[in-house]
Protein backbone atom coordinates (compact mmCIF):
# COMPACT_ATOMS: atom_id res chain seq x y z
CA UNK A 1 89.48 71.48 100.35
CA UNK A 2 89.55 68.78 103.00
CA UNK A 3 86.46 67.97 105.02
CA UNK A 4 86.40 69.57 108.47
CA UNK A 5 84.99 67.28 111.14
CA UNK A 6 83.56 69.99 113.43
CA UNK A 7 80.17 71.05 112.01
CA UNK A 8 80.36 74.75 112.94
CA UNK A 9 83.90 75.06 111.61
CA UNK A 10 82.77 73.45 108.34
CA UNK A 11 79.96 76.01 108.09
CA UNK A 12 82.47 78.83 108.64
CA UNK A 13 84.78 77.39 105.96
CA UNK A 14 81.84 77.02 103.55
CA UNK A 15 80.81 80.62 104.19
CA UNK A 16 84.33 81.92 103.53
CA UNK A 17 84.65 79.78 100.42
CA UNK A 18 81.38 81.17 99.03
CA UNK A 19 81.80 84.80 100.13
CA UNK A 20 85.55 85.37 100.16
CA UNK A 21 87.41 87.38 102.80
CA UNK A 22 85.02 88.56 105.50
CA UNK A 23 85.19 90.34 108.82
CA UNK A 24 84.31 88.36 111.93
CA UNK A 25 80.99 90.15 112.45
CA UNK A 26 79.81 89.24 108.94
CA UNK A 27 80.57 85.56 109.52
CA UNK A 28 78.91 85.50 112.94
CA UNK A 29 75.81 87.33 111.71
CA UNK A 30 75.40 85.16 108.61
CA UNK A 31 75.75 81.92 110.58
CA UNK A 32 73.81 83.21 113.61
CA UNK A 33 76.67 82.44 116.02
CA UNK A 34 77.27 84.16 119.34
CA UNK A 35 80.51 86.12 119.60
CA UNK A 36 82.05 83.77 122.18
CA UNK A 37 81.10 80.58 120.32
CA UNK A 38 82.10 81.93 116.92
CA UNK A 39 85.39 83.36 118.18
CA UNK A 40 86.24 80.00 119.80
CA UNK A 41 85.77 78.20 116.48
CA UNK A 42 87.67 80.88 114.53
CA UNK A 43 90.58 80.62 116.98
CA UNK A 44 90.62 76.82 116.56
CA UNK A 45 90.63 77.24 112.78
CA UNK A 46 93.45 79.82 112.96
CA UNK A 47 95.51 77.44 115.11
CA UNK A 48 94.92 74.58 112.66
CA UNK A 49 95.85 76.81 109.70
CA UNK A 50 92.42 76.44 108.07
CA UNK A 51 91.84 80.20 108.00
CA UNK A 52 94.12 83.20 108.17
CA UNK A 53 93.68 86.85 109.07
CA UNK A 54 94.66 89.74 106.85
CA UNK A 55 96.23 92.99 107.97
CA UNK A 56 93.80 95.67 109.19
CA UNK A 57 90.96 95.74 108.58
CA UNK A 58 91.07 92.21 109.93
CA UNK A 59 89.38 89.88 107.51
CA UNK A 60 89.17 86.11 107.69
CA UNK A 61 89.78 83.96 104.64
CA UNK A 62 90.43 80.33 103.86
CA UNK A 63 94.12 79.51 103.93
CA UNK A 64 94.94 78.20 100.47
CA UNK A 65 98.46 77.30 101.58
CA UNK A 66 97.96 75.26 104.78
CA UNK A 67 101.00 74.20 106.80
């Protein structure tokens, strides 16, 4: 996996790599992020193709097939 320059986004990627698919609340709680801050980083990562969301229940996971 390539290094992510933004520190919080790297922590999120590390968490998902270690724990597998997770719901947003699990990620935020584990990394002690506020909802607004965590959601901002998740949205950036979704846009960049670093993470993807599954069908309901929505889980986040690392995108192993980035664009």
